[in-house]
Protein backbone atom coordinates (compact mmCIF):
# COMPACT_ATOMS: atom_id res chain seq x y z
CA MET A 1 11.57 2.16 37.96
CA ALA A 2 11.26 4.92 40.64
CA ILE A 3 13.35 4.64 43.80
CA THR A 4 11.40 5.16 47.02
CA THR A 5 13.20 6.64 50.01
CA LEU A 6 12.09 5.08 53.34
CA ASN A 7 12.19 7.02 56.59
CA LEU A 8 13.43 4.65 59.25
CA ARG A 9 13.20 7.07 62.20
CA GLY A 10 10.72 4.76 63.88
CA LEU A 11 13.46 2.13 64.35
CA ASN A 12 16.27 2.50 66.85
CA ARG A 13 19.78 1.34 65.96
CA SER A 14 19.49 -1.11 68.89
CA ASP A 15 16.32 -2.73 67.50
CA THR A 16 16.84 -6.30 66.36
CA ALA A 17 14.55 -8.61 64.40
CA SER A 18 13.69 -12.08 65.58
CA SER A 19 13.94 -14.99 63.25
CA GLY A 20 11.06 -14.96 60.79
CA GLN A 21 10.27 -11.24 61.16
CA VAL A 22 10.19 -8.62 58.40
CA VAL A 23 10.32 -4.87 58.37
CA THR A 24 6.90 -3.29 57.66
CA ALA A 25 5.70 0.33 57.47
CA THR A 26 3.33 1.28 60.34
CA SER A 27 2.93 4.92 59.30
CA ALA A 28 4.38 7.42 56.82
CA VAL A 29 7.36 8.02 59.08
CA ALA A 30 7.77 4.83 61.13
CA MET A 31 8.59 1.17 60.58
CA ASP A 32 8.41 -1.77 62.84
CA PHE A 33 9.43 -5.42 62.88
CA GLN A 34 6.42 -7.69 62.31
CA ALA A 35 6.19 -11.44 62.29
CA ALA A 36 6.40 -12.86 58.81
CA ALA A 37 3.57 -15.06 57.61
CA ALA A 38 4.58 -18.73 57.86
CA GLY A 39 1.67 -20.46 56.15
CA GLY A 40 2.27 -22.24 52.88
CA LYS A 41 6.03 -22.56 53.30
CA VAL A 42 7.76 -25.86 52.55
CA GLY A 43 9.14 -27.39 55.71
CA GLN A 44 10.95 -30.36 54.20
CA VAL A 45 11.17 -32.33 50.98
CA LEU A 46 11.93 -36.01 50.47
CA SER A 47 12.29 -37.61 47.02
CA ALA A 48 13.03 -41.02 45.56
CA ILE A 49 13.69 -42.09 41.95
CA LYS A 50 13.45 -45.65 40.72
CA THR A 51 15.73 -46.14 37.72
CA ASP A 52 15.47 -49.92 37.32
CA THR A 53 12.58 -52.15 36.27
CA GLN A 54 10.27 -54.30 38.38
CA THR A 55 7.81 -57.06 37.54
CA THR A 56 4.83 -58.74 39.16
CA THR A 57 2.76 -61.78 38.26
CA THR A 58 0.06 -61.54 40.87
CA ALA A 59 -3.26 -59.73 41.30
CA SER A 60 -2.20 -58.46 44.76
CA TYR A 61 -0.68 -55.02 45.26
CA ALA A 62 3.07 -55.03 45.98
CA ASP A 63 5.36 -52.25 47.05
CA VAL A 64 7.39 -50.64 44.27
CA THR A 65 10.97 -51.22 45.41
CA GLY A 66 12.69 -47.90 46.29
CA LEU A 67 9.52 -45.81 46.27
CA THR A 68 8.79 -45.74 50.00
CA LEU A 69 9.33 -42.54 51.99
CA ALA A 70 8.70 -41.79 55.65
CA ILE A 71 8.17 -38.13 56.57
CA THR A 72 7.76 -36.73 60.07
CA PRO A 73 5.68 -33.55 60.14
CA SER A 74 6.87 -30.79 62.45
CA ALA A 75 3.31 -29.92 63.52
CA THR A 76 -0.07 -31.58 63.50
CA SER A 77 -1.43 -28.73 61.36
CA SER A 78 1.01 -29.47 58.52
CA LYS A 79 -0.13 -30.87 55.20
CA ILE A 80 1.77 -33.37 53.13
CA LEU A 81 1.91 -32.70 49.38
CA TRP A 82 2.80 -35.84 47.53
CA SER A 83 3.53 -36.48 43.88
CA ILE A 84 4.26 -39.63 41.92
CA GLY A 85 5.30 -40.46 38.39
CA VAL A 86 4.89 -43.99 37.09
CA THR A 87 5.50 -45.69 33.77
CA GLY A 88 5.08 -49.28 32.68
CA ASN A 89 2.83 -51.71 30.96
CA GLY A 90 1.14 -55.06 31.60
CA GLY A 91 0.86 -58.28 29.73
CA ASP A 92 -2.86 -57.86 30.47
CA GLN A 93 -3.26 -55.09 33.11
CA LEU A 94 -1.16 -52.81 35.25
CA TRP A 95 -2.62 -50.82 38.17
CA CYS A 96 -0.80 -48.28 40.43
CA LYS A 97 -1.73 -46.30 43.55
CA ILE A 98 -0.19 -44.52 46.51
CA THR A 99 -0.80 -45.57 50.08
CA TYR A 100 0.12 -44.10 53.43
CA GLY A 101 0.26 -45.43 56.94
CA ASP A 102 2.35 -48.05 58.71
CA ASN A 103 3.25 -51.54 57.62
CA SER A 104 0.44 -53.18 59.56
CA GLU A 105 -2.43 -51.16 58.14
CA LEU A 106 -1.95 -49.27 54.91
CA THR A 107 -4.65 -46.76 54.06
CA THR A 108 -5.32 -46.06 50.43
CA THR A 109 -5.58 -42.46 49.26
CA ALA A 110 -6.39 -40.88 45.92
CA ILE A 111 -8.22 -43.71 44.20
CA ALA A 112 -11.40 -43.64 42.16
CA ASP A 113 -14.89 -44.26 43.55
CA ALA A 114 -16.21 -47.79 43.73
CA ARG A 115 -18.14 -48.72 40.55
CA GLY A 116 -19.30 -52.29 40.56
CA SER A 117 -16.45 -54.84 40.23
CA ARG A 118 -14.05 -52.37 38.56
CA GLU A 119 -10.52 -52.06 40.01
CA ARG A 120 -10.16 -48.94 42.17
CA SER A 121 -6.75 -47.38 41.55
CA MET A 122 -4.97 -44.15 40.74
CA THR A 123 -3.91 -45.23 37.26
CA GLY A 124 -4.19 -48.31 35.19
CA THR A 125 -3.66 -49.62 31.68
CA LEU A 126 -4.63 -52.54 29.54
CA GLY A 127 -1.52 -54.03 27.91
CA GLY A 128 -0.73 -56.42 25.18
CA ALA A 129 1.81 -59.17 24.88
CA ASN A 130 3.49 -57.62 21.84
CA SER A 131 3.15 -53.95 22.83
CA PRO A 132 6.39 -51.84 22.69
CA ALA A 133 4.60 -48.86 24.33
CA THR A 134 4.64 -47.82 27.96
CA THR A 135 1.93 -45.88 29.74
CA SER A 136 3.02 -42.99 31.96
CA GLY A 137 1.16 -40.99 34.58
CA ALA A 138 1.98 -38.21 36.97
CA PHE A 139 -0.26 -37.41 39.95
CA GLN A 140 -0.20 -35.29 43.09
CA GLY A 141 -2.42 -34.82 46.14
CA LEU A 142 -2.58 -33.22 49.58
CA ASP A 143 -2.94 -35.17 52.80
CA SER A 144 -3.64 -34.01 56.33
CA PRO A 145 -2.03 -36.68 58.60
CA ASN A 146 -2.77 -34.63 61.75
CA THR A 147 0.28 -36.10 63.52
CA THR A 148 3.92 -35.44 64.34
CA ASP A 149 4.70 -39.15 64.02
CA ALA A 150 6.42 -40.48 60.94
CA THR A 151 3.99 -41.20 58.09
CA THR A 152 5.05 -43.64 55.39
CA TYR A 153 4.04 -43.14 51.75
CA LYS A 154 4.35 -45.97 49.28
CA VAL A 155 3.79 -46.46 45.59
CA ARG A 156 2.25 -49.89 44.94
CA PHE A 157 1.32 -51.80 41.81
CA ARG A 158 -0.31 -55.02 40.68
CA GLY A 159 -1.09 -56.96 37.58
CA VAL A 160 -3.20 -60.01 36.86
CA ALA A 161 -2.48 -63.54 38.02
CA SER A 162 -0.54 -65.56 35.41
CA GLN A 163 0.35 -62.40 33.47
CA THR A 164 3.55 -60.43 33.92
CA SER A 165 3.24 -56.65 34.39
CA TYR A 166 6.18 -54.30 34.28
CA LEU A 167 7.31 -50.97 35.69
CA GLY A 168 9.99 -48.97 33.91
CA ARG A 169 9.68 -50.77 30.62
CA ALA A 170 7.24 -52.12 27.98
CA VAL A 171 6.01 -55.68 27.80
CA THR A 172 8.15 -56.28 24.77
CA ASP A 173 11.70 -55.11 25.57
CA THR A 174 13.76 -55.61 22.39
CA ASP A 175 17.25 -54.11 22.70
CA ASN A 176 17.00 -51.29 20.14
CA SER A 177 16.12 -47.58 20.10
CA SER A 178 12.42 -48.25 19.52
CA TYR A 179 12.12 -49.50 23.09
CA GLY A 180 12.83 -47.49 26.26
CA SER A 181 13.87 -47.64 29.88
CA ASN A 182 11.91 -45.23 32.07
CA ILE A 183 11.93 -43.97 35.65
CA CYS A 184 9.29 -43.85 38.40
CA THR A 185 9.34 -41.23 41.16
CA LEU A 186 7.88 -40.34 44.57
CA THR A 187 8.18 -36.96 46.30
CA VAL A 188 6.65 -35.84 49.62
CA MET A 189 6.68 -32.27 50.94
CA GLU A 190 5.64 -30.88 54.29
CA ILE A 191 3.56 -27.71 53.80
CA LEU A 192 3.46 -25.60 56.98
CA ALA A 193 0.14 -24.19 58.15
């Protein structure tokens, strides 16, 4: 690889760079400090991992314990990149989705279009009472909260009334190496504009 010699005569020894500036060439013999591009940088990252199991026996969505994160954007122009990983199975059905908002009015994001009476969710599975298998899914999306207030992201799940649905394990959970224990995750990142 060839070595290029730079002529820095355009910069004085007393010149100083401000935070976030880089040295750029402005001509063949001069260089100046210019503001570095800030867009697309990660401002902050929050992450949660659920290592235990959880069950539900209702058809109403419930919060997944431990997979709730509140992130406070530094600017209204920031985007929030979220990603989740879920695994589980249902005695009949298991549905999962991510929501954001406050505790009084959760807004659903990243779910399928309405199609008749079908359940609208991010991921779902039909289970079986004797199934040793788990179903896993990993998803990510980008939100524009347009606020500098804390925004709460939650992973939620539901099953069917009178049937038990599980996160982190299969319906059948025999204690041998044919059956597993799995994790679920939630990560949120602020992407600066």
